[in-house]
């Protein structure tokens, strides 16, 4: 069974974006890119909300072809082009895109069906609105939180609307030279997952 793994940059006070979704506070460098590449290698499905998907799709399909493409650009572009994309969006309903599935109805059940397919994991980057929805339905198995050494004071929260406790285990932590701390939490096993009838 696939695991749904979320990757999020978070401020020290728990925000994933500024008041208008700003991400200029996020610290990334080659060390982190190399580390993230190892994590994405374990996934064959990428899950996005519409805004994040549009942002990713505007850059990554051709990033490897640019004359000044970095090692990360080449590796992530190749990964992006090979993985199946799943986009949660009402406004994209009915669109036919190559290697893309659009979800807009029965989303929890559809995510469960994807999780039961064979293969590697489902990786989710950004997309805080979709992340909130999935957390509320307890569908995320692993949380990779990259804690940035900054206090934003206000913005888009990492966690909101969760009504029930989600018990986690710390699997790994890594401190990067940038001051970012990566924390890998795994949801404690709840036994066999069954699809709703």
Protein backbone atom coordinates (compact mmCIF):
# COMPACT_ATOMS: atom_id res chain seq x y z
CA UNK A 1 0.00 0.00 0.00
CA UNK A 2 1.21 3.49 -0.83
CA UNK A 3 1.84 6.01 1.94
CA UNK A 4 0.78 9.63 1.58
CA UNK A 5 3.77 11.78 2.55
CA UNK A 6 3.49 15.55 2.95
CA UNK A 7 6.51 17.86 2.62
CA UNK A 8 6.10 21.34 4.05
CA UNK A 9 8.35 24.27 4.93
CA UNK A 10 7.11 25.74 8.21
CA UNK A 11 8.05 28.83 10.19
CA UNK A 12 9.01 28.40 13.83
CA UNK A 13 5.55 29.71 14.81
CA UNK A 14 3.73 27.22 12.59
CA UNK A 15 2.97 29.02 9.31
CA UNK A 16 3.49 27.57 5.82
CA UNK A 17 3.01 30.87 3.99
CA UNK A 18 2.73 34.57 4.68
CA UNK A 19 -0.68 36.34 4.80
CA UNK A 20 -0.81 36.31 0.98
CA UNK A 21 0.92 32.97 0.58
CA UNK A 22 4.43 34.48 0.45
CA UNK A 23 7.24 31.94 0.47
CA UNK A 24 10.24 34.27 0.24
CA UNK A 25 11.21 33.35 3.82
CA UNK A 26 11.92 29.69 2.96
CA UNK A 27 15.60 28.67 3.06
CA UNK A 28 16.70 26.18 0.41
CA UNK A 29 20.14 25.26 -0.85
CA UNK A 30 21.98 22.42 -2.62
CA UNK A 31 22.28 20.44 0.60
CA UNK A 32 18.51 20.45 1.04
CA UNK A 33 17.87 19.80 -2.66
CA UNK A 34 20.07 16.69 -2.51
CA UNK A 35 18.25 15.50 0.59
CA UNK A 36 14.81 16.14 -0.94
CA UNK A 37 15.85 14.24 -4.06
CA UNK A 38 16.33 11.12 -1.97
CA UNK A 39 12.83 11.55 -0.56
CA UNK A 40 11.08 12.10 -3.90
CA UNK A 41 12.81 9.01 -5.30
CA UNK A 42 10.54 6.98 -3.01
CA UNK A 43 7.37 8.37 -4.68
CA UNK A 44 5.69 7.65 -8.01
CA UNK A 45 2.63 9.89 -7.52
CA UNK A 46 2.65 13.63 -6.82
CA UNK A 47 -0.39 15.23 -5.19
CA UNK A 48 -1.11 18.96 -5.56
CA UNK A 49 -3.79 21.57 -5.16
CA UNK A 50 -4.55 23.63 -8.27
CA UNK A 51 -2.40 26.65 -7.36
CA UNK A 52 0.67 24.57 -6.54
CA UNK A 53 0.17 22.37 -9.60
CA UNK A 54 -0.01 25.39 -11.91
CA UNK A 55 3.15 26.79 -10.34
CA UNK A 56 4.98 23.45 -10.66
CA UNK A 57 3.77 22.78 -14.18
CA UNK A 58 4.90 26.19 -15.38
CA UNK A 59 8.50 25.39 -14.48
CA UNK A 60 9.41 21.74 -14.00
CA UNK A 61 8.52 20.09 -17.36
CA UNK A 62 11.32 21.98 -19.17
CA UNK A 63 13.63 22.88 -16.26
CA UNK A 64 16.16 20.20 -17.24
CA UNK A 65 16.42 21.61 -20.78
CA UNK A 66 17.64 25.05 -19.73
CA UNK A 67 21.31 25.83 -20.50
CA UNK A 68 22.03 26.76 -16.87
CA UNK A 69 20.04 23.88 -15.33
CA UNK A 70 21.40 22.79 -11.95
CA UNK A 71 21.75 19.18 -10.81
CA UNK A 72 18.55 19.63 -8.79
CA UNK A 73 16.71 21.13 -11.79
CA UNK A 74 17.62 18.15 -13.94
CA UNK A 75 16.81 15.51 -11.33
CA UNK A 76 13.52 17.04 -10.18
CA UNK A 77 12.40 17.81 -13.73
CA UNK A 78 12.97 14.17 -14.71
CA UNK A 79 11.08 13.02 -11.63
CA UNK A 80 8.21 15.47 -12.23
CA UNK A 81 7.82 14.37 -15.83
CA UNK A 82 7.76 10.68 -14.90
CA UNK A 83 5.40 10.65 -11.91
CA UNK A 84 1.63 10.57 -12.16
CA UNK A 85 0.15 13.86 -10.99
CA UNK A 86 -3.07 14.01 -8.94
CA UNK A 87 -4.62 17.48 -8.67
CA UNK A 88 -7.44 18.35 -6.26
CA UNK A 89 -9.43 21.09 -8.00
CA UNK A 90 -13.02 22.06 -8.72
CA UNK A 91 -12.11 24.59 -11.41
CA UNK A 92 -10.10 22.02 -13.42
CA UNK A 93 -12.99 19.53 -13.50
CA UNK A 94 -13.29 17.85 -16.88
CA UNK A 95 -9.81 18.81 -18.08
CA UNK A 96 -7.91 16.05 -19.87
CA UNK A 97 -4.18 16.28 -19.20
CA UNK A 98 -1.51 13.70 -19.93
CA UNK A 99 -0.44 11.71 -16.87
CA UNK A 100 -2.74 13.81 -14.62
CA UNK A 101 -5.84 12.82 -12.63
CA UNK A 102 -8.20 15.59 -11.49
CA UNK A 103 -10.08 14.96 -8.23
CA UNK A 104 -13.13 17.03 -7.30
CA UNK A 105 -15.66 14.58 -5.84
CA UNK A 106 -15.48 11.92 -3.11
CA UNK A 107 -11.90 13.03 -2.49
CA UNK A 108 -11.24 10.97 0.70
CA UNK A 109 -12.43 7.77 -1.03
CA UNK A 110 -10.43 8.55 -4.17
CA UNK A 111 -7.27 9.16 -2.13
CA UNK A 112 -7.83 5.84 -0.34
CA UNK A 113 -8.15 4.06 -3.70
CA UNK A 114 -4.90 5.58 -4.92
CA UNK A 115 -3.19 4.55 -1.68
CA UNK A 116 -4.24 0.95 -2.26
CA UNK A 117 -2.55 0.80 -5.67
CA UNK A 118 0.83 -0.94 -5.87
CA UNK A 119 4.04 1.04 -6.26
CA UNK A 120 5.87 3.74 -4.39
CA UNK A 121 4.49 6.53 -2.18
CA UNK A 122 2.37 9.62 -2.86
CA UNK A 123 4.34 12.83 -2.35
CA UNK A 124 2.55 16.09 -1.58
CA UNK A 125 4.40 19.42 -1.74
CA UNK A 126 2.89 22.64 -0.45
CA UNK A 127 -0.83 22.91 -1.22
CA UNK A 128 -1.82 23.91 2.35
CA UNK A 129 -5.58 23.98 1.66
CA UNK A 130 -5.52 20.40 0.40
CA UNK A 131 -3.18 19.50 3.25
CA UNK A 132 -5.68 20.83 5.80
CA UNK A 133 -8.46 18.78 4.18
CA UNK A 134 -6.38 15.59 4.20
CA UNK A 135 -5.32 16.12 7.82
CA UNK A 136 -8.95 16.60 8.83
CA UNK A 137 -9.67 13.18 7.27
CA UNK A 138 -6.51 11.65 8.80
CA UNK A 139 -5.23 10.53 5.39
CA UNK A 140 -1.59 11.63 5.75
CA UNK A 141 0.79 8.86 6.82
CA UNK A 142 4.11 10.72 7.02
CA UNK A 143 4.85 14.38 7.75
CA UNK A 144 8.15 15.89 6.62
CA UNK A 145 8.28 19.33 8.24
CA UNK A 146 11.18 21.63 7.42
CA UNK A 147 11.26 24.12 10.28
CA UNK A 148 12.75 27.43 9.12
CA UNK A 149 14.46 29.70 11.67
CA UNK A 150 11.98 32.54 11.32
CA UNK A 151 8.89 33.80 13.16
CA UNK A 152 6.29 35.17 10.74
CA UNK A 153 3.70 36.29 13.26
CA UNK A 154 0.82 35.74 10.84
CA UNK A 155 0.04 33.81 7.70
CA UNK A 156 -1.35 30.46 6.53
CA UNK A 157 -1.21 27.95 9.41
CA UNK A 158 0.25 24.48 9.02
CA UNK A 159 -2.51 22.91 11.10
CA UNK A 160 -6.14 24.01 11.24
CA UNK A 161 -9.58 22.43 11.55
CA UNK A 162 -8.36 19.11 12.97
CA UNK A 163 -11.01 17.73 15.32
CA UNK A 164 -9.34 14.53 16.53
CA UNK A 165 -5.91 13.66 17.91
CA UNK A 166 -3.39 12.26 15.42
CA UNK A 167 -0.68 10.29 17.21
CA UNK A 168 2.76 10.50 15.58
CA UNK A 169 6.21 8.98 16.03
CA UNK A 170 9.42 10.88 15.29
CA UNK A 171 11.32 8.75 12.76
CA UNK A 172 14.18 11.03 11.80
CA UNK A 173 15.51 14.53 12.30
CA UNK A 174 18.17 16.40 10.37
CA UNK A 175 19.73 19.81 10.89
CA UNK A 176 20.85 21.57 7.72
CA UNK A 177 23.68 24.11 7.55
CA UNK A 178 21.09 26.78 6.64
CA UNK A 179 19.57 26.45 10.12
CA UNK A 180 16.52 24.56 8.83
CA UNK A 181 15.59 21.46 10.84
CA UNK A 182 13.90 18.58 9.03
CA UNK A 183 11.53 16.50 11.15
CA UNK A 184 10.06 13.25 9.83
CA UNK A 185 6.97 12.11 11.73
CA UNK A 186 5.02 8.96 10.97
CA UNK A 187 1.42 8.30 11.92
CA UNK A 188 1.14 5.43 14.37
CA UNK A 189 -0.32 2.32 12.75
CA UNK A 190 -4.06 1.87 13.02
CA UNK A 191 -4.18 -1.60 11.49
CA UNK A 192 -5.57 -2.50 8.08
CA UNK A 193 -7.13 0.30 6.04
CA UNK A 194 -10.50 -0.57 4.48
CA UNK A 195 -12.25 1.33 1.72
CA UNK A 196 -15.76 2.58 2.49
CA UNK A 197 -18.39 0.48 0.72
